[in-house]
Amino acid sequence: MLSKELVRQQIEEKLKRKVASDPKLHQVHMLIHSDKLNIHWPMAAGKTDEAPVNPHQPFHTASVGKTFTSVIVAKLVERGLAKFEDPIARYLPSTILEGLHPV
């Protein structure tokens, strides 16, 4: 059986090879996470302005961010930690809400 670290290295190498071989891919971020297996592997390949990407750097998710957000909210609702009808202000600190869409 392969060690977790060896599996991680193999996945990361495949990611780097794929990005290097595909001119349409400039930078790719990937997170493999499993609470059950105690795995949290942020990975990145490619370049940002000629500098290698960092798996911990912020990145723009574009429209896929809406999908991530909807899945997270649905999971919270499923666990009884939120309701679809709840106002977002219930979950955000007042400092974020200041001046946002004043009534």
N, C-alpha and C. Protein backbone atom coordinates (compact mmCIF):
# COMPACT_ATOMS: atom_id res chain seq x y z
N MET A 1 0.84 -1.18 0.00
CA MET A 1 0.00 0.00 0.00
C MET A 1 0.89 1.25 0.00
N LEU A 2 0.51 2.22 -0.82
CA LEU A 2 1.29 3.46 -0.93
C LEU A 2 1.04 4.36 0.27
N SER A 3 2.06 5.07 0.68
CA SER A 3 1.89 6.03 1.78
C SER A 3 1.11 7.24 1.27
N LYS A 4 0.47 7.96 2.20
CA LYS A 4 -0.28 9.16 1.82
C LYS A 4 0.63 10.17 1.12
N GLU A 5 1.84 10.31 1.62
CA GLU A 5 2.75 11.30 1.04
C GLU A 5 3.14 10.94 -0.38
N LEU A 6 3.34 9.66 -0.64
CA LEU A 6 3.67 9.22 -2.00
C LEU A 6 2.48 9.45 -2.94
N VAL A 7 1.28 9.16 -2.47
CA VAL A 7 0.08 9.40 -3.27
C VAL A 7 -0.04 10.89 -3.58
N ARG A 8 0.18 11.72 -2.56
CA ARG A 8 0.12 13.17 -2.76
C ARG A 8 1.13 13.62 -3.81
N GLN A 9 2.35 13.14 -3.70
CA GLN A 9 3.40 13.51 -4.66
C GLN A 9 3.03 13.09 -6.08
N GLN A 10 2.48 11.90 -6.23
CA GLN A 10 2.09 11.42 -7.55
C GLN A 10 0.98 12.28 -8.15
N ILE A 11 0.00 12.64 -7.34
CA ILE A 11 -1.09 13.49 -7.82
C ILE A 11 -0.56 14.86 -8.21
N GLU A 12 0.30 15.42 -7.38
CA GLU A 12 0.85 16.74 -7.66
C GLU A 12 1.70 16.74 -8.92
N GLU A 13 2.47 15.69 -9.14
CA GLU A 13 3.27 15.59 -10.36
C GLU A 13 2.39 15.47 -11.60
N LYS A 14 1.31 14.69 -11.52
CA LYS A 14 0.39 14.58 -12.65
C LYS A 14 -0.27 15.93 -12.95
N LEU A 15 -0.63 16.65 -11.90
CA LEU A 15 -1.21 17.98 -12.08
C LEU A 15 -0.23 18.91 -12.79
N LYS A 16 1.01 18.92 -12.35
CA LYS A 16 2.03 19.78 -12.96
C LYS A 16 2.27 19.40 -14.42
N ARG A 17 2.34 18.09 -14.71
CA ARG A 17 2.55 17.65 -16.10
C ARG A 17 1.38 18.07 -16.98
N LYS A 18 0.16 17.93 -16.48
CA LYS A 18 -1.02 18.30 -17.26
C LYS A 18 -1.00 19.80 -17.58
N VAL A 19 -0.71 20.62 -16.59
CA VAL A 19 -0.70 22.07 -16.81
C VAL A 19 0.42 22.44 -17.78
N ALA A 20 1.58 21.82 -17.64
CA ALA A 20 2.71 22.12 -18.52
C ALA A 20 2.44 21.69 -19.96
N SER A 21 1.63 20.65 -20.15
CA SER A 21 1.40 20.13 -21.50
C SER A 21 0.18 20.75 -22.19
N ASP A 22 -0.60 21.53 -21.49
CA ASP A 22 -1.82 22.10 -22.07
C ASP A 22 -1.71 23.62 -22.12
N PRO A 23 -1.53 24.20 -23.31
CA PRO A 23 -1.35 25.66 -23.40
C PRO A 23 -2.59 26.45 -22.98
N LYS A 24 -3.74 25.81 -22.87
CA LYS A 24 -4.94 26.51 -22.41
C LYS A 24 -4.95 26.70 -20.90
N LEU A 25 -4.13 25.94 -20.19
CA LEU A 25 -4.10 26.02 -18.73
C LEU A 25 -2.93 26.90 -18.29
N HIS A 26 -3.24 27.99 -17.63
CA HIS A 26 -2.19 28.90 -17.15
C HIS A 26 -1.87 28.65 -15.69
N GLN A 27 -2.90 28.45 -14.92
CA GLN A 27 -2.72 28.11 -13.52
C GLN A 27 -3.91 27.29 -13.06
N VAL A 28 -3.64 26.29 -12.26
CA VAL A 28 -4.68 25.40 -11.76
C VAL A 28 -4.49 25.24 -10.27
N HIS A 29 -5.59 25.38 -9.55
CA HIS A 29 -5.59 25.16 -8.10
C HIS A 29 -6.48 23.96 -7.82
N MET A 30 -6.04 23.11 -6.91
CA MET A 30 -6.82 21.92 -6.58
C MET A 30 -6.66 21.65 -5.08
N LEU A 31 -7.75 21.28 -4.45
CA LEU A 31 -7.72 20.90 -3.04
C LEU A 31 -8.30 19.51 -2.90
N ILE A 32 -7.54 18.64 -2.29
CA ILE A 32 -8.03 17.29 -1.97
C ILE A 32 -8.17 17.27 -0.46
N HIS A 33 -9.40 17.04 0.00
CA HIS A 33 -9.65 17.08 1.44
C HIS A 33 -10.52 15.90 1.84
N SER A 34 -10.16 15.29 2.97
CA SER A 34 -10.97 14.23 3.55
C SER A 34 -10.78 14.25 5.06
N ASP A 35 -11.86 14.55 5.79
CA ASP A 35 -11.78 14.47 7.25
C ASP A 35 -11.52 13.03 7.67
N LYS A 36 -12.20 12.10 7.01
CA LYS A 36 -12.10 10.68 7.36
C LYS A 36 -10.66 10.18 7.25
N LEU A 37 -9.96 10.60 6.19
CA LEU A 37 -8.59 10.12 5.97
C LEU A 37 -7.53 11.09 6.52
N ASN A 38 -7.99 12.18 7.14
CA ASN A 38 -7.10 13.19 7.69
C ASN A 38 -6.17 13.75 6.59
N ILE A 39 -6.79 14.15 5.48
CA ILE A 39 -6.06 14.67 4.34
C ILE A 39 -6.53 16.09 4.04
N HIS A 40 -5.61 16.98 3.87
CA HIS A 40 -5.90 18.35 3.40
C HIS A 40 -4.70 18.75 2.55
N TRP A 41 -4.85 18.60 1.23
CA TRP A 41 -3.74 18.83 0.32
C TRP A 41 -4.06 19.95 -0.67
N PRO A 42 -3.69 21.18 -0.36
CA PRO A 42 -3.82 22.23 -1.37
C PRO A 42 -2.68 22.09 -2.38
N MET A 43 -3.02 22.17 -3.66
CA MET A 43 -2.03 22.03 -4.73
C MET A 43 -2.26 23.12 -5.77
N ALA A 44 -1.21 23.48 -6.47
CA ALA A 44 -1.32 24.45 -7.56
C ALA A 44 -0.21 24.17 -8.56
N ALA A 45 -0.51 24.49 -9.81
CA ALA A 45 0.49 24.33 -10.88
C ALA A 45 0.30 25.45 -11.88
N GLY A 46 1.38 25.86 -12.49
CA GLY A 46 1.33 26.92 -13.48
C GLY A 46 2.00 28.18 -12.97
N LYS A 47 1.69 29.30 -13.63
CA LYS A 47 2.33 30.57 -13.27
C LYS A 47 1.32 31.70 -13.24
N THR A 48 1.61 32.68 -12.41
CA THR A 48 0.86 33.92 -12.36
C THR A 48 1.87 35.03 -12.63
N ASP A 49 1.70 35.74 -13.72
CA ASP A 49 2.65 36.80 -14.10
C ASP A 49 4.09 36.29 -14.03
N GLU A 50 4.32 35.12 -14.61
CA GLU A 50 5.65 34.49 -14.70
C GLU A 50 6.20 33.98 -13.36
N ALA A 51 5.46 34.14 -12.27
CA ALA A 51 5.88 33.59 -10.98
C ALA A 51 5.11 32.29 -10.75
N PRO A 52 5.76 31.26 -10.21
CA PRO A 52 5.05 30.01 -9.94
C PRO A 52 3.88 30.27 -8.99
N VAL A 53 2.75 29.61 -9.24
CA VAL A 53 1.60 29.78 -8.35
C VAL A 53 1.88 29.14 -7.00
N ASN A 54 1.22 29.65 -6.01
CA ASN A 54 1.35 29.15 -4.65
C ASN A 54 0.00 28.55 -4.28
N PRO A 55 -0.04 27.32 -3.78
CA PRO A 55 -1.34 26.72 -3.47
C PRO A 55 -2.11 27.45 -2.37
N HIS A 56 -1.46 28.35 -1.66
CA HIS A 56 -2.12 29.08 -0.58
C HIS A 56 -2.49 30.51 -0.97
N GLN A 57 -2.20 30.90 -2.21
CA GLN A 57 -2.51 32.26 -2.63
C GLN A 57 -4.00 32.38 -2.94
N PRO A 58 -4.58 33.55 -2.71
CA PRO A 58 -5.97 33.74 -3.09
C PRO A 58 -6.10 33.63 -4.61
N PHE A 59 -7.24 33.17 -5.08
CA PHE A 59 -7.45 33.07 -6.51
C PHE A 59 -8.92 33.34 -6.83
N HIS A 60 -9.16 33.80 -8.03
CA HIS A 60 -10.50 34.13 -8.49
C HIS A 60 -11.17 32.88 -9.03
N THR A 61 -12.30 32.52 -8.48
CA THR A 61 -12.98 31.30 -8.91
C THR A 61 -14.02 31.54 -9.99
N ALA A 62 -14.25 32.81 -10.33
CA ALA A 62 -15.24 33.16 -11.36
C ALA A 62 -16.60 32.55 -11.01
N SER A 63 -17.33 32.13 -12.00
CA SER A 63 -18.70 31.65 -11.77
C SER A 63 -18.78 30.36 -10.97
N VAL A 64 -17.72 29.58 -10.95
CA VAL A 64 -17.77 28.33 -10.18
C VAL A 64 -17.90 28.62 -8.68
N GLY A 65 -17.57 29.83 -8.27
CA GLY A 65 -17.75 30.22 -6.87
C GLY A 65 -19.19 30.12 -6.42
N LYS A 66 -20.11 30.39 -7.33
CA LYS A 66 -21.54 30.27 -7.01
C LYS A 66 -21.90 28.82 -6.72
N THR A 67 -21.32 27.92 -7.48
CA THR A 67 -21.58 26.49 -7.25
C THR A 67 -21.02 26.06 -5.90
N PHE A 68 -19.79 26.45 -5.60
CA PHE A 68 -19.20 26.12 -4.30
C PHE A 68 -20.07 26.65 -3.17
N THR A 69 -20.48 27.90 -3.28
CA THR A 69 -21.28 28.53 -2.24
C THR A 69 -22.61 27.81 -2.06
N SER A 70 -23.28 27.48 -3.16
CA SER A 70 -24.58 26.81 -3.04
C SER A 70 -24.46 25.42 -2.40
N VAL A 71 -23.40 24.71 -2.71
CA VAL A 71 -23.19 23.40 -2.11
C VAL A 71 -22.92 23.53 -0.61
N ILE A 72 -22.11 24.50 -0.24
CA ILE A 72 -21.81 24.70 1.19
C ILE A 72 -23.07 25.08 1.95
N VAL A 73 -23.86 26.00 1.39
CA VAL A 73 -25.11 26.40 2.06
C VAL A 73 -26.05 25.21 2.16
N ALA A 74 -26.17 24.42 1.11
CA ALA A 74 -27.05 23.24 1.14
C ALA A 74 -26.61 22.25 2.21
N LYS A 75 -25.30 22.07 2.36
CA LYS A 75 -24.80 21.16 3.40
C LYS A 75 -25.13 21.69 4.80
N LEU A 76 -25.02 23.01 4.99
CA LEU A 76 -25.37 23.60 6.29
C LEU A 76 -26.85 23.42 6.59
N VAL A 77 -27.70 23.61 5.56
CA VAL A 77 -29.14 23.42 5.73
C VAL A 77 -29.43 21.95 6.05
N GLU A 78 -28.79 21.06 5.34
CA GLU A 78 -28.99 19.62 5.56
C GLU A 78 -28.64 19.23 7.00
N ARG A 79 -27.63 19.87 7.55
CA ARG A 79 -27.19 19.57 8.93
C ARG A 79 -27.97 20.36 9.98
N GLY A 80 -28.91 21.17 9.54
CA GLY A 80 -29.71 21.94 10.48
C GLY A 80 -29.00 23.16 11.05
N LEU A 81 -27.93 23.59 10.42
CA LEU A 81 -27.15 24.73 10.91
C LEU A 81 -27.56 26.05 10.27
N ALA A 82 -28.39 25.99 9.25
CA ALA A 82 -28.87 27.19 8.55
C ALA A 82 -30.18 26.86 7.88
N LYS A 83 -30.87 27.91 7.43
CA LYS A 83 -32.10 27.75 6.66
C LYS A 83 -31.96 28.57 5.39
N PHE A 84 -32.52 28.07 4.31
CA PHE A 84 -32.47 28.82 3.05
C PHE A 84 -33.13 30.19 3.19
N GLU A 85 -34.12 30.30 4.07
CA GLU A 85 -34.86 31.55 4.24
C GLU A 85 -34.14 32.56 5.13
N ASP A 86 -33.09 32.17 5.81
CA ASP A 86 -32.38 33.07 6.73
C ASP A 86 -31.75 34.23 5.98
N PRO A 87 -31.81 35.43 6.56
CA PRO A 87 -31.08 36.55 5.96
C PRO A 87 -29.57 36.36 6.16
N ILE A 88 -28.79 36.73 5.18
CA ILE A 88 -27.34 36.55 5.26
C ILE A 88 -26.74 37.31 6.44
N ALA A 89 -27.39 38.40 6.84
CA ALA A 89 -26.89 39.21 7.95
C ALA A 89 -26.79 38.39 9.24
N ARG A 90 -27.55 37.32 9.33
CA ARG A 90 -27.50 36.46 10.52
C ARG A 90 -26.12 35.80 10.66
N TYR A 91 -25.41 35.65 9.57
CA TYR A 91 -24.16 34.89 9.57
C TYR A 91 -22.90 35.73 9.34
N LEU A 92 -23.06 37.00 9.04
CA LEU A 92 -21.90 37.85 8.75
C LEU A 92 -21.70 38.87 9.86
N PRO A 93 -20.45 39.19 10.16
CA PRO A 93 -20.20 40.22 11.18
C PRO A 93 -20.66 41.59 10.69
N SER A 94 -21.06 42.43 11.62
CA SER A 94 -21.57 43.76 11.26
C SER A 94 -20.56 44.59 10.49
N THR A 95 -19.25 44.35 10.70
CA THR A 95 -18.23 45.12 9.98
C THR A 95 -18.29 44.88 8.48
N ILE A 96 -18.68 43.70 8.07
CA ILE A 96 -18.80 43.39 6.64
C ILE A 96 -20.06 44.05 6.06
N LEU A 97 -21.08 44.15 6.88
CA LEU A 97 -22.37 44.65 6.42
C LEU A 97 -22.45 46.18 6.38
N GLU A 98 -21.55 46.87 7.09
CA GLU A 98 -21.60 48.33 7.15
C GLU A 98 -21.53 48.93 5.75
N GLY A 99 -22.54 49.75 5.41
CA GLY A 99 -22.58 50.43 4.13
C GLY A 99 -22.94 49.56 2.95
N LEU A 100 -23.23 48.30 3.20
CA LEU A 100 -23.60 47.38 2.12
C LEU A 100 -25.11 47.45 1.91
N HIS A 101 -25.52 47.89 0.76
CA HIS A 101 -26.94 47.99 0.41
C HIS A 101 -27.74 48.69 1.51
N PRO A 102 -27.43 49.97 1.78
CA PRO A 102 -28.20 50.66 2.83
C PRO A 102 -29.66 50.77 2.45
N VAL A 103 -30.51 50.68 3.45
CA VAL A 103 -31.96 50.74 3.22
C VAL A 103 -32.41 52.19 3.21
